[in-house]
Amino acid sequence: MKRPSFIVPLCLLAFAFSFFSCSEKDEVGEYDNWKQRNQIFVDSIAKVAADNADGTWEIIKPFNLGDDATLYQGMTNYFIYVKKLEAGSGTIHPMYADSVRIHFMGRLIPTTKHPQGYNFAKSYSTNELNEATDVPTIFGMNQNLVVGLSTALMHMYEGDHWIVYVPYYLGYGETDYTKGAIPAYSTLIYDLKLARIYRAKIDTDTSWH
C-alpha cells in the first residue's frame, strides 16, 4: 500500500524553511552554521506544533526528564514534536522493556544538496514504504534507540504512522555520529510506523509473519 510521501509534512511548513533556501546559496559547506540552522528549524517546528492549527500535532516530553514539564517551558530542544499522519488500531503502548518492529526512514533537515534532508537510515528497500514487501526492523526499546525515538514509540499504538522531529539534545547530541554522517547538533526527522509490539517475557516469537 502506498504511504504518504515523507516530504508532505515538511511542505506544510514551507514558511518556516525560507531561512534555508536564502542562506545556503552563500554557504561554502553543506553543514556550515549547522547548529544555528538546526535551532531555527526546531524553533519553527515547535511553533507549528504549539499552534496545532489542523489538530494533528503533539508536543511530547521525553521519558527521562521527570514529571515537571514546566521546568523546560520554552526550551524547544527538550521536547519532541509529532505530526500524526495515520491512527492505528492497537490498544497498548510499548514499554521500556519491550521490543518493537518499526517501518522507518530517518533524515536530517533540508539542505541544498539534500532538499528533502539527507537520509541516514531506513528500514525499507526503496524511498517509499511498501508494506506488502518491506519487513519492519526489530529493536529493543532499551537498546540502541535515541531518547527522542524511544519517547515517540512509548506513545504510539500498533499501526500509528507519525513524522517525529527529534532535537539534537534528544538525538545524538553535540558530537558527530557514524563518522560524521550525522553532524553534531543535528535534528533527526523520522517517518515512523509502529508495526508490532512484543511484550517482554511474553511474546517470545518475534519473527515477522
N, C-alpha and C. Protein backbone atom coordinates (compact mmCIF):
# COMPACT_ATOMS: atom_id res chain seq x y z
N MET A 1 0.83 -1.18 0.00
CA MET A 1 0.00 0.00 0.00
C MET A 1 0.88 1.24 0.00
N LYS A 2 0.58 2.18 -0.85
CA LYS A 2 1.39 3.38 -0.97
C LYS A 2 1.19 4.28 0.24
N ARG A 3 2.31 4.68 0.85
CA ARG A 3 2.24 5.54 2.01
C ARG A 3 2.37 6.99 1.59
N PRO A 4 1.94 7.93 2.41
CA PRO A 4 2.14 9.34 2.08
C PRO A 4 3.62 9.66 1.97
N SER A 5 3.95 10.56 1.05
CA SER A 5 5.34 10.94 0.85
C SER A 5 5.91 11.53 2.13
N PHE A 6 7.20 11.20 2.38
CA PHE A 6 7.87 11.70 3.58
C PHE A 6 7.86 13.22 3.62
N ILE A 7 7.95 13.83 2.46
CA ILE A 7 8.14 15.28 2.44
C ILE A 7 6.85 16.05 2.64
N VAL A 8 5.69 15.40 2.60
CA VAL A 8 4.42 16.11 2.71
C VAL A 8 4.35 16.99 3.95
N PRO A 9 4.63 16.48 5.17
CA PRO A 9 4.55 17.35 6.34
C PRO A 9 5.51 18.53 6.25
N LEU A 10 6.68 18.35 5.63
CA LEU A 10 7.60 19.46 5.50
C LEU A 10 7.04 20.54 4.60
N CYS A 11 6.27 20.16 3.59
CA CYS A 11 5.68 21.14 2.70
C CYS A 11 4.69 22.02 3.46
N LEU A 12 4.04 21.45 4.44
CA LEU A 12 3.10 22.23 5.24
C LEU A 12 3.81 23.31 6.03
N LEU A 13 5.12 23.15 6.19
CA LEU A 13 5.90 24.09 6.99
C LEU A 13 6.81 24.95 6.13
N ALA A 14 6.46 25.14 4.87
CA ALA A 14 7.35 25.81 3.94
C ALA A 14 7.75 27.20 4.42
N PHE A 15 6.83 27.87 5.06
CA PHE A 15 7.15 29.22 5.52
C PHE A 15 8.29 29.22 6.53
N ALA A 16 8.41 28.12 7.26
CA ALA A 16 9.42 28.04 8.30
C ALA A 16 10.80 27.78 7.74
N PHE A 17 10.88 27.33 6.50
CA PHE A 17 12.15 26.92 5.94
C PHE A 17 12.76 27.95 5.00
N SER A 18 12.13 29.10 4.86
CA SER A 18 12.64 30.09 3.93
C SER A 18 14.07 30.50 4.29
N PHE A 19 14.40 30.42 5.57
CA PHE A 19 15.76 30.76 6.02
C PHE A 19 16.80 29.94 5.28
N PHE A 20 16.51 28.64 5.08
CA PHE A 20 17.50 27.75 4.49
C PHE A 20 17.71 28.08 3.02
N SER A 21 16.65 28.27 2.27
CA SER A 21 16.77 28.49 0.85
C SER A 21 17.51 29.77 0.55
N CYS A 22 17.38 30.76 1.42
CA CYS A 22 18.05 32.04 1.19
C CYS A 22 19.52 31.97 1.60
N SER A 23 19.78 31.41 2.78
CA SER A 23 21.13 31.50 3.33
C SER A 23 22.09 30.50 2.71
N GLU A 24 21.60 29.34 2.26
CA GLU A 24 22.51 28.30 1.81
C GLU A 24 23.18 28.64 0.49
N LYS A 25 22.62 29.58 -0.27
CA LYS A 25 23.22 29.95 -1.54
C LYS A 25 24.62 30.51 -1.34
N ASP A 26 24.86 31.12 -0.18
CA ASP A 26 26.13 31.77 0.08
C ASP A 26 27.07 30.89 0.91
N GLU A 27 26.67 29.66 1.20
CA GLU A 27 27.47 28.83 2.07
C GLU A 27 28.51 28.04 1.30
N VAL A 28 29.67 27.85 1.92
CA VAL A 28 30.72 27.06 1.31
C VAL A 28 30.46 25.58 1.55
N GLY A 29 30.12 25.23 2.76
CA GLY A 29 29.88 23.84 3.10
C GLY A 29 28.41 23.56 3.39
N GLU A 30 28.01 22.32 3.13
CA GLU A 30 26.61 21.95 3.34
C GLU A 30 26.17 22.11 4.78
N TYR A 31 27.10 21.92 5.70
CA TYR A 31 26.75 21.95 7.12
C TYR A 31 27.29 23.18 7.84
N ASP A 32 27.62 24.23 7.10
CA ASP A 32 28.03 25.48 7.73
C ASP A 32 26.90 26.02 8.61
N ASN A 33 27.26 26.61 9.72
CA ASN A 33 26.27 27.18 10.65
C ASN A 33 25.20 26.15 11.03
N TRP A 34 25.63 24.91 11.15
CA TRP A 34 24.67 23.80 11.32
C TRP A 34 23.89 23.90 12.62
N LYS A 35 24.56 24.25 13.69
CA LYS A 35 23.87 24.37 14.98
C LYS A 35 22.78 25.44 14.90
N GLN A 36 23.13 26.59 14.36
CA GLN A 36 22.16 27.68 14.24
C GLN A 36 20.99 27.30 13.34
N ARG A 37 21.28 26.69 12.22
CA ARG A 37 20.22 26.31 11.28
C ARG A 37 19.28 25.28 11.88
N ASN A 38 19.85 24.33 12.61
CA ASN A 38 19.00 23.34 13.27
C ASN A 38 18.15 23.97 14.35
N GLN A 39 18.71 24.94 15.07
CA GLN A 39 17.92 25.60 16.12
C GLN A 39 16.75 26.37 15.52
N ILE A 40 17.00 27.07 14.43
CA ILE A 40 15.91 27.80 13.75
C ILE A 40 14.85 26.82 13.28
N PHE A 41 15.28 25.69 12.73
CA PHE A 41 14.33 24.67 12.27
C PHE A 41 13.47 24.16 13.43
N VAL A 42 14.11 23.78 14.53
CA VAL A 42 13.37 23.23 15.67
C VAL A 42 12.42 24.28 16.25
N ASP A 43 12.88 25.50 16.37
CA ASP A 43 12.01 26.55 16.89
C ASP A 43 10.78 26.74 15.99
N SER A 44 10.97 26.64 14.69
CA SER A 44 9.85 26.77 13.75
C SER A 44 8.86 25.62 13.90
N ILE A 45 9.41 24.41 14.01
CA ILE A 45 8.55 23.23 14.20
C ILE A 45 7.79 23.35 15.52
N ALA A 46 8.48 23.79 16.56
CA ALA A 46 7.85 23.93 17.88
C ALA A 46 6.67 24.88 17.83
N LYS A 47 6.81 25.96 17.07
CA LYS A 47 5.72 26.93 16.94
C LYS A 47 4.53 26.32 16.20
N VAL A 48 4.80 25.62 15.11
CA VAL A 48 3.71 24.98 14.35
C VAL A 48 3.00 23.95 15.23
N ALA A 49 3.79 23.16 15.98
CA ALA A 49 3.20 22.14 16.86
C ALA A 49 2.36 22.78 17.96
N ALA A 50 2.86 23.87 18.53
CA ALA A 50 2.12 24.55 19.60
C ALA A 50 0.82 25.16 19.06
N ASP A 51 0.87 25.73 17.86
CA ASP A 51 -0.35 26.28 17.26
C ASP A 51 -1.35 25.17 16.93
N ASN A 52 -0.84 24.04 16.43
CA ASN A 52 -1.67 22.85 16.14
C ASN A 52 -2.93 23.24 15.36
N ALA A 53 -2.74 23.96 14.28
CA ALA A 53 -3.87 24.50 13.53
C ALA A 53 -4.79 23.43 12.96
N ASP A 54 -4.23 22.28 12.58
CA ASP A 54 -5.06 21.23 11.98
C ASP A 54 -5.38 20.09 12.94
N GLY A 55 -4.95 20.21 14.19
CA GLY A 55 -5.28 19.21 15.21
C GLY A 55 -4.51 17.91 15.12
N THR A 56 -3.44 17.88 14.31
CA THR A 56 -2.70 16.62 14.14
C THR A 56 -1.33 16.64 14.81
N TRP A 57 -1.00 17.72 15.50
CA TRP A 57 0.32 17.85 16.13
C TRP A 57 0.26 17.55 17.62
N GLU A 58 1.38 17.06 18.13
CA GLU A 58 1.51 16.85 19.57
C GLU A 58 2.94 17.15 19.99
N ILE A 59 3.09 17.77 21.16
CA ILE A 59 4.39 18.01 21.76
C ILE A 59 4.54 17.05 22.94
N ILE A 60 5.63 16.29 22.95
CA ILE A 60 5.79 15.23 23.94
C ILE A 60 7.09 15.43 24.71
N LYS A 61 6.98 15.38 26.03
CA LYS A 61 8.15 15.46 26.90
C LYS A 61 8.86 14.12 26.94
N PRO A 62 10.18 14.06 26.82
CA PRO A 62 10.89 12.78 26.85
C PRO A 62 10.74 12.07 28.18
N PHE A 63 10.79 10.77 28.13
CA PHE A 63 10.51 9.95 29.31
C PHE A 63 11.54 10.13 30.41
N ASN A 64 12.72 10.63 30.10
CA ASN A 64 13.80 10.68 31.09
C ASN A 64 14.00 12.04 31.73
N LEU A 65 13.07 12.98 31.52
CA LEU A 65 13.26 14.32 32.07
C LEU A 65 12.37 14.61 33.27
N GLY A 66 11.79 13.59 33.86
CA GLY A 66 10.99 13.80 35.06
C GLY A 66 9.57 14.25 34.76
N ASP A 67 8.82 14.54 35.81
CA ASP A 67 7.39 14.80 35.67
C ASP A 67 7.04 16.27 35.47
N ASP A 68 7.91 17.17 35.87
CA ASP A 68 7.57 18.59 35.84
C ASP A 68 8.02 19.22 34.53
N ALA A 69 7.14 19.24 33.54
CA ALA A 69 7.48 19.79 32.22
C ALA A 69 7.66 21.30 32.28
N THR A 70 7.12 21.95 33.29
CA THR A 70 7.23 23.41 33.37
C THR A 70 8.68 23.86 33.55
N LEU A 71 9.53 22.95 34.05
CA LEU A 71 10.94 23.28 34.21
C LEU A 71 11.59 23.58 32.87
N TYR A 72 11.03 23.05 31.78
CA TYR A 72 11.63 23.16 30.47
C TYR A 72 10.78 24.00 29.52
N GLN A 73 9.85 24.74 30.07
CA GLN A 73 8.96 25.55 29.24
C GLN A 73 9.77 26.56 28.42
N GLY A 74 9.49 26.59 27.11
CA GLY A 74 10.19 27.49 26.22
C GLY A 74 11.53 26.97 25.73
N MET A 75 11.97 25.81 26.23
CA MET A 75 13.24 25.22 25.81
C MET A 75 12.94 24.16 24.76
N THR A 76 12.96 24.56 23.50
CA THR A 76 12.44 23.70 22.44
C THR A 76 13.24 22.42 22.22
N ASN A 77 14.49 22.39 22.63
CA ASN A 77 15.30 21.20 22.43
C ASN A 77 15.00 20.08 23.42
N TYR A 78 14.13 20.35 24.39
CA TYR A 78 13.83 19.35 25.42
C TYR A 78 12.51 18.61 25.18
N PHE A 79 11.96 18.75 23.99
CA PHE A 79 10.71 18.06 23.65
C PHE A 79 10.83 17.49 22.24
N ILE A 80 9.99 16.49 21.95
CA ILE A 80 9.86 16.04 20.57
C ILE A 80 8.54 16.56 20.02
N TYR A 81 8.47 16.64 18.70
CA TYR A 81 7.31 17.22 18.02
C TYR A 81 6.81 16.20 17.01
N VAL A 82 5.51 15.93 17.07
CA VAL A 82 4.94 14.83 16.30
C VAL A 82 3.83 15.34 15.39
N LYS A 83 3.92 14.94 14.12
CA LYS A 83 2.84 15.15 13.16
C LYS A 83 2.20 13.79 12.92
N LYS A 84 0.92 13.64 13.29
CA LYS A 84 0.25 12.36 13.20
C LYS A 84 -0.43 12.22 11.83
N LEU A 85 0.03 11.24 11.06
CA LEU A 85 -0.49 11.02 9.71
C LEU A 85 -1.61 10.00 9.67
N GLU A 86 -1.52 8.99 10.51
CA GLU A 86 -2.48 7.88 10.46
C GLU A 86 -2.60 7.24 11.84
N ALA A 87 -3.82 6.95 12.26
CA ALA A 87 -4.05 6.29 13.55
C ALA A 87 -4.19 4.79 13.35
N GLY A 88 -3.50 4.03 14.19
CA GLY A 88 -3.57 2.58 14.11
C GLY A 88 -4.74 2.03 14.91
N SER A 89 -4.82 0.71 14.95
CA SER A 89 -5.92 0.05 15.66
C SER A 89 -5.46 -0.63 16.93
N GLY A 90 -4.20 -0.44 17.31
CA GLY A 90 -3.69 -1.07 18.52
C GLY A 90 -4.29 -0.47 19.78
N THR A 91 -4.12 -1.16 20.88
CA THR A 91 -4.72 -0.71 22.16
C THR A 91 -3.70 -0.56 23.27
N ILE A 92 -2.43 -0.88 23.01
CA ILE A 92 -1.40 -0.77 24.04
C ILE A 92 -0.19 -0.02 23.48
N HIS A 93 0.57 0.61 24.38
CA HIS A 93 1.82 1.25 24.02
C HIS A 93 2.98 0.32 24.41
N PRO A 94 4.09 0.36 23.68
CA PRO A 94 5.26 -0.40 24.12
C PRO A 94 5.85 0.18 25.40
N MET A 95 6.34 -0.71 26.24
CA MET A 95 7.02 -0.30 27.46
C MET A 95 8.53 -0.42 27.25
N TYR A 96 9.29 0.13 28.19
CA TYR A 96 10.73 0.25 28.01
C TYR A 96 11.42 -1.11 27.88
N ALA A 97 10.86 -2.15 28.45
CA ALA A 97 11.48 -3.48 28.38
C ALA A 97 11.04 -4.26 27.16
N ASP A 98 10.08 -3.75 26.39
CA ASP A 98 9.53 -4.46 25.25
C ASP A 98 10.42 -4.33 24.02
N SER A 99 10.07 -5.08 22.99
CA SER A 99 10.68 -4.94 21.67
C SER A 99 9.61 -4.51 20.68
N VAL A 100 10.03 -3.87 19.60
CA VAL A 100 9.08 -3.39 18.60
C VAL A 100 9.63 -3.67 17.21
N ARG A 101 8.70 -3.77 16.27
CA ARG A 101 9.06 -3.74 14.85
C ARG A 101 8.54 -2.44 14.27
N ILE A 102 9.43 -1.73 13.57
CA ILE A 102 9.02 -0.44 13.01
C ILE A 102 9.47 -0.31 11.55
N HIS A 103 8.60 0.31 10.76
CA HIS A 103 8.99 0.82 9.45
C HIS A 103 9.47 2.25 9.69
N PHE A 104 10.63 2.61 9.15
CA PHE A 104 11.11 3.96 9.43
C PHE A 104 12.05 4.46 8.34
N MET A 105 12.10 5.78 8.23
CA MET A 105 13.13 6.46 7.46
C MET A 105 13.58 7.65 8.29
N GLY A 106 14.89 7.81 8.46
CA GLY A 106 15.43 8.92 9.22
C GLY A 106 16.16 9.89 8.32
N ARG A 107 15.88 11.19 8.48
CA ARG A 107 16.52 12.21 7.67
C ARG A 107 17.00 13.36 8.55
N LEU A 108 17.89 14.18 7.97
CA LEU A 108 18.29 15.43 8.58
C LEU A 108 17.45 16.55 8.00
N ILE A 109 17.68 17.78 8.46
CA ILE A 109 16.91 18.90 7.93
C ILE A 109 17.30 19.16 6.47
N PRO A 110 16.46 19.82 5.70
CA PRO A 110 16.76 20.08 4.28
C PRO A 110 18.02 20.92 4.10
N THR A 111 18.78 20.59 3.05
CA THR A 111 19.95 21.36 2.65
C THR A 111 19.90 21.54 1.14
N THR A 112 20.82 22.31 0.61
CA THR A 112 20.86 22.50 -0.84
C THR A 112 21.11 21.18 -1.56
N LYS A 113 22.05 20.40 -1.06
CA LYS A 113 22.37 19.11 -1.68
C LYS A 113 21.28 18.09 -1.46
N HIS A 114 20.62 18.14 -0.32
CA HIS A 114 19.57 17.18 0.03
C HIS A 114 18.31 17.96 0.40
N PRO A 115 17.53 18.41 -0.59
CA PRO A 115 16.36 19.26 -0.30
C PRO A 115 15.28 18.57 0.53
N GLN A 116 15.27 17.25 0.56
CA GLN A 116 14.34 16.53 1.42
C GLN A 116 15.01 16.10 2.72
N GLY A 117 16.26 16.44 2.89
CA GLY A 117 17.00 16.04 4.06
C GLY A 117 17.80 14.77 3.79
N TYR A 118 19.05 14.76 4.20
CA TYR A 118 19.90 13.59 3.99
C TYR A 118 19.31 12.37 4.70
N ASN A 119 19.17 11.26 3.96
CA ASN A 119 18.62 10.02 4.51
C ASN A 119 19.75 9.23 5.18
N PHE A 120 19.74 9.18 6.52
CA PHE A 120 20.82 8.49 7.23
C PHE A 120 20.47 7.06 7.61
N ALA A 121 19.21 6.66 7.51
CA ALA A 121 18.82 5.29 7.84
C ALA A 121 17.40 5.03 7.38
N LYS A 122 17.12 3.79 7.01
CA LYS A 122 15.75 3.42 6.66
C LYS A 122 15.60 1.91 6.76
N SER A 123 14.37 1.47 6.93
CA SER A 123 14.09 0.05 7.07
C SER A 123 13.57 -0.56 5.77
N TYR A 124 13.19 0.27 4.81
CA TYR A 124 12.61 -0.29 3.59
C TYR A 124 13.53 -0.16 2.41
N SER A 125 13.22 -0.92 1.36
CA SER A 125 14.16 -1.16 0.28
C SER A 125 14.27 -0.01 -0.71
N THR A 126 13.26 0.84 -0.79
CA THR A 126 13.29 1.99 -1.68
C THR A 126 13.06 3.24 -0.84
N ASN A 127 12.76 4.34 -1.49
CA ASN A 127 12.48 5.57 -0.74
C ASN A 127 11.02 5.71 -0.39
N GLU A 128 10.26 4.67 -0.61
CA GLU A 128 8.84 4.68 -0.26
C GLU A 128 8.46 3.34 0.35
N LEU A 129 7.74 3.38 1.45
CA LEU A 129 7.35 2.16 2.15
C LEU A 129 6.36 1.34 1.33
N ASN A 130 6.63 0.05 1.21
CA ASN A 130 5.71 -0.91 0.62
C ASN A 130 5.46 -1.99 1.66
N GLU A 131 4.34 -1.90 2.34
CA GLU A 131 4.08 -2.83 3.44
C GLU A 131 3.87 -4.26 2.99
N ALA A 132 3.61 -4.46 1.71
CA ALA A 132 3.43 -5.82 1.19
C ALA A 132 4.75 -6.57 1.10
N THR A 133 5.85 -5.84 0.95
CA THR A 133 7.15 -6.49 0.77
C THR A 133 8.20 -6.10 1.80
N ASP A 134 8.11 -4.93 2.37
CA ASP A 134 9.14 -4.48 3.32
C ASP A 134 8.92 -5.08 4.70
N VAL A 135 9.99 -5.61 5.28
CA VAL A 135 9.94 -6.20 6.61
C VAL A 135 10.39 -5.15 7.63
N PRO A 136 9.56 -4.84 8.61
CA PRO A 136 9.94 -3.83 9.60
C PRO A 136 11.11 -4.31 10.47
N THR A 137 11.95 -3.38 10.84
CA THR A 137 13.13 -3.68 11.65
C THR A 137 12.73 -3.87 13.11
N ILE A 138 13.37 -4.83 13.78
CA ILE A 138 13.09 -5.07 15.19
C ILE A 138 14.13 -4.38 16.05
N PHE A 139 13.67 -3.73 17.11
CA PHE A 139 14.53 -3.07 18.08
C PHE A 139 14.05 -3.40 19.49
N GLY A 140 14.99 -3.51 20.41
CA GLY A 140 14.64 -3.49 21.82
C GLY A 140 14.44 -2.04 22.23
N MET A 141 13.38 -1.75 22.95
CA MET A 141 13.10 -0.37 23.33
C MET A 141 14.22 0.23 24.17
N ASN A 142 14.95 -0.60 24.90
CA ASN A 142 16.01 -0.11 25.77
C ASN A 142 17.40 -0.30 25.17
N GLN A 143 17.43 -0.53 23.85
CA GLN A 143 18.72 -0.78 23.20
C GLN A 143 18.84 0.04 21.91
N ASN A 144 19.92 0.81 21.82
CA ASN A 144 20.33 1.45 20.56
C ASN A 144 19.32 2.43 19.97
N LEU A 145 18.42 2.97 20.77
CA LEU A 145 17.48 3.97 20.28
C LEU A 145 17.75 5.29 21.00
N VAL A 146 17.77 6.38 20.25
CA VAL A 146 17.94 7.68 20.90
C VAL A 146 16.70 7.98 21.73
N VAL A 147 16.87 8.84 22.72
CA VAL A 147 15.80 9.13 23.67
C VAL A 147 14.54 9.64 22.95
N GLY A 148 14.72 10.50 21.95
CA GLY A 148 13.57 11.04 21.25
C GLY A 148 12.76 10.00 20.53
N LEU A 149 13.43 9.02 19.93
CA LEU A 149 12.72 7.96 19.23
C LEU A 149 12.03 7.01 20.21
N SER A 150 12.71 6.64 21.29
CA SER A 150 12.08 5.81 22.32
C SER A 150 10.84 6.49 22.89
N THR A 151 10.95 7.79 23.13
CA THR A 151 9.82 8.54 23.67
C THR A 151 8.63 8.48 22.74
N ALA A 152 8.86 8.69 21.45
CA ALA A 152 7.76 8.63 20.48
C ALA A 152 7.10 7.27 20.50
N LEU A 153 7.89 6.21 20.45
CA LEU A 153 7.34 4.86 20.40
C LEU A 153 6.50 4.54 21.63
N MET A 154 6.90 5.05 22.79
CA MET A 154 6.16 4.79 24.02
C MET A 154 4.77 5.44 24.01
N HIS A 155 4.52 6.33 23.06
CA HIS A 155 3.22 6.99 22.95
C HIS A 155 2.41 6.48 21.76
N MET A 156 2.94 5.50 21.03
CA MET A 156 2.29 5.02 19.82
C MET A 156 1.54 3.71 20.06
N TYR A 157 0.53 3.50 19.23
CA TYR A 157 -0.16 2.22 19.15
C TYR A 157 0.26 1.51 17.85
N GLU A 158 0.07 0.20 17.81
CA GLU A 158 0.35 -0.52 16.57
C GLU A 158 -0.47 0.08 15.44
N GLY A 159 0.20 0.36 14.33
CA GLY A 159 -0.47 0.93 13.17
C GLY A 159 -0.35 2.44 13.09
N ASP A 160 0.03 3.11 14.16
CA ASP A 160 0.22 4.56 14.12
C ASP A 160 1.35 4.91 13.15
N HIS A 161 1.13 5.98 12.38
CA HIS A 161 2.13 6.46 11.43
C HIS A 161 2.34 7.94 11.71
N TRP A 162 3.55 8.29 12.12
CA TRP A 162 3.87 9.65 12.54
C TRP A 162 5.12 10.15 11.84
N ILE A 163 5.23 11.47 11.74
CA ILE A 163 6.51 12.13 11.49
C ILE A 163 6.98 12.68 12.83
N VAL A 164 8.18 12.31 13.23
CA VAL A 164 8.70 12.67 14.55
C VAL A 164 9.94 13.54 14.38
N TYR A 165 9.93 14.70 15.02
CA TYR A 165 11.04 15.65 14.97
C TYR A 165 11.77 15.60 16.30
N VAL A 166 13.04 15.20 16.25
CA VAL A 166 13.85 15.00 17.46
C VAL A 166 14.99 16.02 17.50
N PRO A 167 14.96 17.00 18.39
CA PRO A 167 16.08 17.94 18.51
C PRO A 167 17.36 17.22 18.93
N TYR A 168 18.48 17.85 18.66
CA TYR A 168 19.79 17.21 18.89
C TYR A 168 19.94 16.72 20.32
N TYR A 169 19.38 17.46 21.29
CA TYR A 169 19.55 17.10 22.70
C TYR A 169 18.96 15.74 23.00
N LEU A 170 17.93 15.36 22.25
CA LEU A 170 17.28 14.06 22.45
C LEU A 170 17.67 13.07 21.35
N GLY A 171 18.67 13.47 20.54
CA GLY A 171 19.17 12.61 19.48
C GLY A 171 20.61 12.19 19.75
N TYR A 172 21.53 12.61 18.87
CA TYR A 172 22.93 12.22 19.01
C TYR A 172 23.80 13.31 19.62
N GLY A 173 23.19 14.41 20.04
CA GLY A 173 23.90 15.37 20.86
C GLY A 173 24.86 16.29 20.13
N GLU A 174 25.94 16.62 20.84
CA GLU A 174 26.88 17.66 20.41
C GLU A 174 28.12 17.11 19.72
N THR A 175 28.12 15.83 19.37
CA THR A 175 29.26 15.24 18.67
C THR A 175 28.79 14.57 17.39
N ASP A 176 29.69 14.48 16.42
CA ASP A 176 29.36 13.79 15.18
C ASP A 176 29.08 12.31 15.46
N TYR A 177 28.21 11.74 14.64
CA TYR A 177 27.84 10.33 14.81
C TYR A 177 28.05 9.61 13.49
N THR A 178 28.41 8.34 13.57
CA THR A 178 28.69 7.49 12.40
C THR A 178 29.65 8.19 11.45
N LYS A 179 30.82 8.57 11.99
CA LYS A 179 31.90 9.17 11.22
C LYS A 179 31.46 10.44 10.49
N GLY A 180 30.59 11.19 11.14
CA GLY A 180 30.19 12.46 10.58
C GLY A 180 28.99 12.42 9.66
N ALA A 181 28.43 11.23 9.41
CA ALA A 181 27.24 11.15 8.57
C ALA A 181 26.09 11.92 9.20
N ILE A 182 26.06 11.94 10.53
CA ILE A 182 25.11 12.77 11.26
C ILE A 182 25.93 13.78 12.05
N PRO A 183 26.01 15.02 11.57
CA PRO A 183 26.85 16.01 12.25
C PRO A 183 26.31 16.36 13.63
N ALA A 184 27.18 16.88 14.47
CA ALA A 184 26.76 17.37 15.78
C ALA A 184 25.64 18.38 15.63
N TYR A 185 24.74 18.39 16.59
CA TYR A 185 23.60 19.31 16.68
C TYR A 185 22.52 19.04 15.63
N SER A 186 22.49 17.83 15.09
CA SER A 186 21.51 17.52 14.05
C SER A 186 20.14 17.22 14.62
N THR A 187 19.13 17.81 14.02
CA THR A 187 17.74 17.42 14.26
C THR A 187 17.49 16.14 13.48
N LEU A 188 16.86 15.16 14.09
CA LEU A 188 16.52 13.91 13.42
C LEU A 188 15.03 13.91 13.10
N ILE A 189 14.70 13.59 11.86
CA ILE A 189 13.31 13.58 11.41
C ILE A 189 12.97 12.17 10.97
N TYR A 190 12.06 11.54 11.68
CA TYR A 190 11.70 10.15 11.39
C TYR A 190 10.30 10.05 10.80
N ASP A 191 10.21 9.36 9.67
CA ASP A 191 8.92 8.87 9.18
C ASP A 191 8.77 7.49 9.81
N LEU A 192 7.83 7.35 10.71
CA LEU A 192 7.81 6.20 11.63
C LEU A 192 6.44 5.54 11.67
N LYS A 193 6.42 4.23 11.44
CA LYS A 193 5.19 3.46 11.62
C LYS A 193 5.47 2.28 12.54
N LEU A 194 4.68 2.18 13.60
CA LEU A 194 4.83 1.08 14.56
C LEU A 194 4.04 -0.12 14.05
N ALA A 195 4.78 -1.16 13.67
CA ALA A 195 4.15 -2.32 13.06
C ALA A 195 3.72 -3.38 14.08
N ARG A 196 4.55 -3.57 15.12
CA ARG A 196 4.20 -4.61 16.10
C ARG A 196 4.93 -4.37 17.40
N ILE A 197 4.27 -4.78 18.48
CA ILE A 197 4.85 -4.72 19.83
C ILE A 197 5.01 -6.14 20.36
N TYR A 198 6.17 -6.43 20.93
CA TYR A 198 6.41 -7.73 21.56
C TYR A 198 6.64 -7.49 23.05
N ARG A 199 5.74 -7.97 23.87
CA ARG A 199 5.86 -7.80 25.31
C ARG A 199 7.02 -8.63 25.86
N ALA A 200 7.81 -8.00 26.71
CA ALA A 200 8.96 -8.68 27.31
C ALA A 200 8.52 -9.91 28.09
N LYS A 201 9.21 -11.02 27.86
CA LYS A 201 9.00 -12.29 28.56
C LYS A 201 7.63 -12.92 28.26
N ILE A 202 6.87 -12.33 27.35
CA ILE A 202 5.56 -12.89 26.99
C ILE A 202 5.55 -13.30 25.52
N ASP A 203 5.89 -12.35 24.65
CA ASP A 203 5.91 -12.62 23.21
C ASP A 203 7.31 -13.08 22.82
N THR A 204 7.54 -14.37 22.94
CA THR A 204 8.88 -14.91 22.69
C THR A 204 9.18 -15.11 21.21
N ASP A 205 8.13 -15.24 20.39
CA ASP A 205 8.32 -15.39 18.94
C ASP A 205 8.26 -13.98 18.33
N THR A 206 9.42 -13.48 17.91
CA THR A 206 9.49 -12.14 17.34
C THR A 206 9.68 -12.16 15.82
N SER A 207 9.41 -13.31 15.22
CA SER A 207 9.50 -13.40 13.76
C SER A 207 8.38 -12.58 13.12
N TRP A 208 8.62 -12.15 11.90
CA TRP A 208 7.65 -11.34 11.16
C TRP A 208 6.84 -12.23 10.23
N HIS A 209 5.55 -12.29 10.44
CA HIS A 209 4.70 -13.13 9.60
C HIS A 209 3.28 -12.58 9.63
